[in-house]
Amino acid sequence: MDRENLESKFKRMQLAYRNLFLGSLELLELNSLFWTEKLLLRLVNSLSRKRLQALKDVLAEGGDNEDNVLLRENMMEAQVVAALGGHQLGSWETAEEADGYQAVCLICDGSVFVSEKTIYSILTDSCTG
């Protein structure tokens, strides 16, 4: 397989994984699913996010634009997981010590950090407020 065909195949894979990622986020936002469905959708979401990152590295296209997409996707995922736990996140603020953003729960003061590459949450599974 020549380089052009291989790149085309990777771009089709990237589109498919992006659709899986965004579709799973939309379904999770509905918050009207059984816990088994939520678990499977979180798995699909996590797997597709990892595949998108790997494909991004392989394709090495439009770094800044793609990083912004991944940052927005990580923010959305953090908001979904927080909402599923009953948390109410405030606005995203720049985390100056690290290259990313942080939001704090308005009820319990727990926080979540996101960047293009990671999501780090110290929110409890269910909000205590």
C-alpha atoms as a PDB file:
ATOM      1  CA  MET A   1       0.000   0.000   0.000  1.00  0.00           C
ATOM      2  CA  ASP A   2       1.472   3.342  -1.018  1.00  0.00           C
ATOM      3  CA  ARG A   3       1.738   6.348   1.290  1.00  0.00           C
ATOM      4  CA  GLU A   4      -1.245   8.192  -0.211  1.00  0.00           C
ATOM      5  CA  ASN A   5      -3.610   5.223   0.220  1.00  0.00           C
ATOM      6  CA  LEU A   6      -2.335   4.626   3.727  1.00  0.00           C
ATOM      7  CA  GLU A   7      -2.858   8.273   4.679  1.00  0.00           C
ATOM      8  CA  SER A   8      -6.368   8.168   3.202  1.00  0.00           C
ATOM      9  CA  LYS A   9      -7.134   5.055   5.248  1.00  0.00           C
ATOM     10  CA  PHE A  10      -5.904   6.739   8.446  1.00  0.00           C
ATOM     11  CA  LYS A  11      -8.015   9.833   7.736  1.00  0.00           C
ATOM     12  CA  ARG A  12     -11.130   7.648   7.309  1.00  0.00           C
ATOM     13  CA  MET A  13     -10.278   5.916  10.586  1.00  0.00           C
ATOM     14  CA  GLN A  14      -9.842   9.300  12.250  1.00  0.00           C
ATOM     15  CA  LEU A  15     -13.271  10.410  11.065  1.00  0.00           C
ATOM     16  CA  ALA A  16     -14.861   7.182  12.307  1.00  0.00           C
ATOM     17  CA  TYR A  17     -13.256   7.486  15.754  1.00  0.00           C
ATOM     18  CA  ARG A  18     -14.210  11.157  15.976  1.00  0.00           C
ATOM     19  CA  ASN A  19     -17.833  10.198  15.257  1.00  0.00           C
ATOM     20  CA  LEU A  20     -17.686   7.501  17.950  1.00  0.00           C
ATOM     21  CA  PHE A  21     -16.166   9.941  20.416  1.00  0.00           C
ATOM     22  CA  LEU A  22     -18.656  12.734  19.816  1.00  0.00           C
ATOM     23  CA  GLY A  23     -21.621  10.357  19.567  1.00  0.00           C
ATOM     24  CA  SER A  24     -20.788   8.731  22.891  1.00  0.00           C
ATOM     25  CA  LEU A  25     -20.497  12.176  24.516  1.00  0.00           C
ATOM     26  CA  GLU A  26     -23.889  13.199  23.177  1.00  0.00           C
ATOM     27  CA  LEU A  27     -25.528  10.038  24.499  1.00  0.00           C
ATOM     28  CA  LEU A  28     -23.873  10.451  27.896  1.00  0.00           C
ATOM     29  CA  GLU A  29     -25.160  14.025  28.103  1.00  0.00           C
ATOM     30  CA  LEU A  30     -28.742  12.740  27.826  1.00  0.00           C
ATOM     31  CA  ASN A  31     -28.305  11.198  31.277  1.00  0.00           C
ATOM     32  CA  SER A  32     -31.281   8.904  30.728  1.00  0.00           C
ATOM     33  CA  LEU A  33     -29.383   5.665  30.238  1.00  0.00           C
ATOM     34  CA  PHE A  34     -28.975   2.545  32.334  1.00  0.00           C
ATOM     35  CA  TRP A  35     -25.669   2.263  34.203  1.00  0.00           C
ATOM     36  CA  THR A  36     -24.559  -0.547  31.865  1.00  0.00           C
ATOM     37  CA  GLU A  37     -25.106   1.675  28.841  1.00  0.00           C
ATOM     38  CA  LYS A  38     -23.212   4.518  30.507  1.00  0.00           C
ATOM     39  CA  LEU A  39     -20.340   2.185  31.282  1.00  0.00           C
ATOM     40  CA  LEU A  40     -20.127   0.964  27.685  1.00  0.00           C
ATOM     41  CA  LEU A  41     -20.343   4.508  26.333  1.00  0.00           C
ATOM     42  CA  ARG A  42     -17.548   5.642  28.659  1.00  0.00           C
ATOM     43  CA  LEU A  43     -15.443   2.752  27.351  1.00  0.00           C
ATOM     44  CA  VAL A  44     -16.186   3.703  23.725  1.00  0.00           C
ATOM     45  CA  ASN A  45     -15.432   7.331  24.550  1.00  0.00           C
ATOM     46  CA  SER A  46     -12.120   6.543  26.219  1.00  0.00           C
ATOM     47  CA  LEU A  47     -11.006   4.138  23.511  1.00  0.00           C
ATOM     48  CA  SER A  48     -11.928   6.470  20.662  1.00  0.00           C
ATOM     49  CA  ARG A  49     -10.114   9.380  22.368  1.00  0.00           C
ATOM     50  CA  LYS A  50      -6.947   7.285  22.644  1.00  0.00           C
ATOM     51  CA  ARG A  51      -7.225   6.202  19.005  1.00  0.00           C
ATOM     52  CA  LEU A  52      -7.695   9.806  17.905  1.00  0.00           C
ATOM     53  CA  GLN A  53      -4.535  10.799  19.746  1.00  0.00           C
ATOM     54  CA  ALA A  54      -2.588   7.950  18.138  1.00  0.00           C
ATOM     55  CA  LEU A  55      -3.903   8.812  14.676  1.00  0.00           C
ATOM     56  CA  LYS A  56      -3.062  12.470  15.253  1.00  0.00           C
ATOM     57  CA  ASP A  57       0.519  11.481  15.968  1.00  0.00           C
ATOM     58  CA  VAL A  58       0.659   9.311  12.845  1.00  0.00           C
ATOM     59  CA  LEU A  59      -0.900  11.872  10.537  1.00  0.00           C
ATOM     60  CA  ALA A  60       0.890  14.876  12.127  1.00  0.00           C
ATOM     61  CA  GLU A  61      -1.557  17.321  10.614  1.00  0.00           C
ATOM     62  CA  GLY A  62      -2.481  20.835  11.801  1.00  0.00           C
ATOM     63  CA  GLY A  63      -1.062  20.545  15.321  1.00  0.00           C
ATOM     64  CA  ASP A  64      -2.546  23.686  16.854  1.00  0.00           C
ATOM     65  CA  ASN A  65      -6.020  23.229  15.396  1.00  0.00           C
ATOM     66  CA  GLU A  66      -6.144  19.549  16.356  1.00  0.00           C
ATOM     67  CA  ASP A  67      -4.879  20.330  19.869  1.00  0.00           C
ATOM     68  CA  ASN A  68      -7.754  22.779  20.306  1.00  0.00           C
ATOM     69  CA  VAL A  69     -10.216  20.092  19.239  1.00  0.00           C
ATOM     70  CA  LEU A  70      -8.736  17.639  21.727  1.00  0.00           C
ATOM     71  CA  LEU A  71      -8.781  20.280  24.474  1.00  0.00           C
ATOM     72  CA  ARG A  72     -12.458  21.016  23.814  1.00  0.00           C
ATOM     73  CA  GLU A  73     -13.247  17.297  23.747  1.00  0.00           C
ATOM     74  CA  ASN A  74     -11.446  16.787  27.075  1.00  0.00           C
ATOM     75  CA  MET A  75     -13.347  19.720  28.576  1.00  0.00           C
ATOM     76  CA  MET A  76     -16.627  18.281  27.365  1.00  0.00           C
ATOM     77  CA  GLU A  77     -15.782  14.834  28.722  1.00  0.00           C
ATOM     78  CA  ALA A  78     -14.861  16.306  32.111  1.00  0.00           C
ATOM     79  CA  GLN A  79     -18.151  18.228  32.192  1.00  0.00           C
ATOM     80  CA  VAL A  80     -20.140  15.097  31.324  1.00  0.00           C
ATOM     81  CA  VAL A  81     -18.459  12.976  34.000  1.00  0.00           C
ATOM     82  CA  ALA A  82     -18.901  15.770  36.554  1.00  0.00           C
ATOM     83  CA  ALA A  83     -22.582  16.173  35.689  1.00  0.00           C
ATOM     84  CA  LEU A  84     -23.137  12.418  35.974  1.00  0.00           C
ATOM     85  CA  GLY A  85     -21.821  12.681  39.540  1.00  0.00           C
ATOM     86  CA  GLY A  86     -24.112  15.611  40.367  1.00  0.00           C
ATOM     87  CA  HIS A  87     -21.338  18.215  40.225  1.00  0.00           C
ATOM     88  CA  GLN A  88     -21.916  21.704  38.856  1.00  0.00           C
ATOM     89  CA  LEU A  89     -18.690  22.984  37.328  1.00  0.00           C
ATOM     90  CA  GLY A  90     -17.982  26.694  37.235  1.00  0.00           C
ATOM     91  CA  SER A  91     -16.197  28.409  34.354  1.00  0.00           C
ATOM     92  CA  TRP A  92     -12.891  27.114  33.003  1.00  0.00           C
ATOM     93  CA  GLU A  93      -9.887  29.128  34.151  1.00  0.00           C
ATOM     94  CA  THR A  94      -6.332  28.998  32.873  1.00  0.00           C
ATOM     95  CA  ALA A  95      -4.050  26.927  35.111  1.00  0.00           C
ATOM     96  CA  GLU A  96      -0.848  28.951  34.997  1.00  0.00           C
ATOM     97  CA  GLU A  97       1.395  26.298  36.588  1.00  0.00           C
ATOM     98  CA  ALA A  98       0.412  23.783  33.932  1.00  0.00           C
ATOM     99  CA  ASP A  99      -0.563  24.063  30.302  1.00  0.00           C
ATOM    100  CA  GLY A 100      -4.314  23.614  30.641  1.00  0.00           C
ATOM    101  CA  TYR A 101      -7.535  24.699  32.315  1.00  0.00           C
ATOM    102  CA  GLN A 102      -9.219  24.065  35.639  1.00  0.00           C
ATOM    103  CA  ALA A 103     -12.869  24.168  36.738  1.00  0.00           C
ATOM    104  CA  VAL A 104     -14.197  23.973  40.299  1.00  0.00           C
ATOM    105  CA  CYS A 105     -17.501  22.464  41.416  1.00  0.00           C
ATOM    106  CA  LEU A 106     -19.721  25.259  42.708  1.00  0.00           C
ATOM    107  CA  ILE A 107     -21.261  22.902  45.282  1.00  0.00           C
ATOM    108  CA  CYS A 108     -18.417  20.881  46.840  1.00  0.00           C
ATOM    109  CA  ASP A 109     -15.294  22.830  45.727  1.00  0.00           C
ATOM    110  CA  GLY A 110     -13.761  19.763  44.054  1.00  0.00           C
ATOM    111  CA  SER A 111     -11.835  20.495  40.866  1.00  0.00           C
ATOM    112  CA  VAL A 112     -10.902  19.034  37.514  1.00  0.00           C
ATOM    113  CA  PHE A 113      -7.900  19.879  35.292  1.00  0.00           C
ATOM    114  CA  VAL A 114      -7.810  19.355  31.518  1.00  0.00           C
ATOM    115  CA  SER A 115      -5.246  19.836  28.781  1.00  0.00           C
ATOM    116  CA  GLU A 116      -4.901  18.552  25.219  1.00  0.00           C
ATOM    117  CA  LYS A 117      -3.424  15.305  26.535  1.00  0.00           C
ATOM    118  CA  THR A 118      -4.992  14.650  29.926  1.00  0.00           C
ATOM    119  CA  ILE A 119      -7.928  14.922  32.267  1.00  0.00           C
ATOM    120  CA  TYR A 120      -7.152  14.945  35.984  1.00  0.00           C
ATOM    121  CA  SER A 121     -10.103  15.052  38.332  1.00  0.00           C
ATOM    122  CA  ILE A 122     -10.273  15.257  42.113  1.00  0.00           C
ATOM    123  CA  LEU A 123     -14.070  15.244  42.043  1.00  0.00           C
ATOM    124  CA  THR A 124     -15.803  12.567  44.099  1.00  0.00           C
ATOM    125  CA  ASP A 125     -17.993  10.016  42.331  1.00  0.00           C
ATOM    126  CA  SER A 126     -21.072  11.807  43.636  1.00  0.00           C
ATOM    127  CA  CYS A 127     -21.287  15.413  44.762  1.00  0.00           C
ATOM    128  CA  THR A 128     -21.573  15.791  48.529  1.00  0.00           C
ATOM    129  CA  GLY A 129     -23.419  19.119  48.363  1.00  0.00           C
END
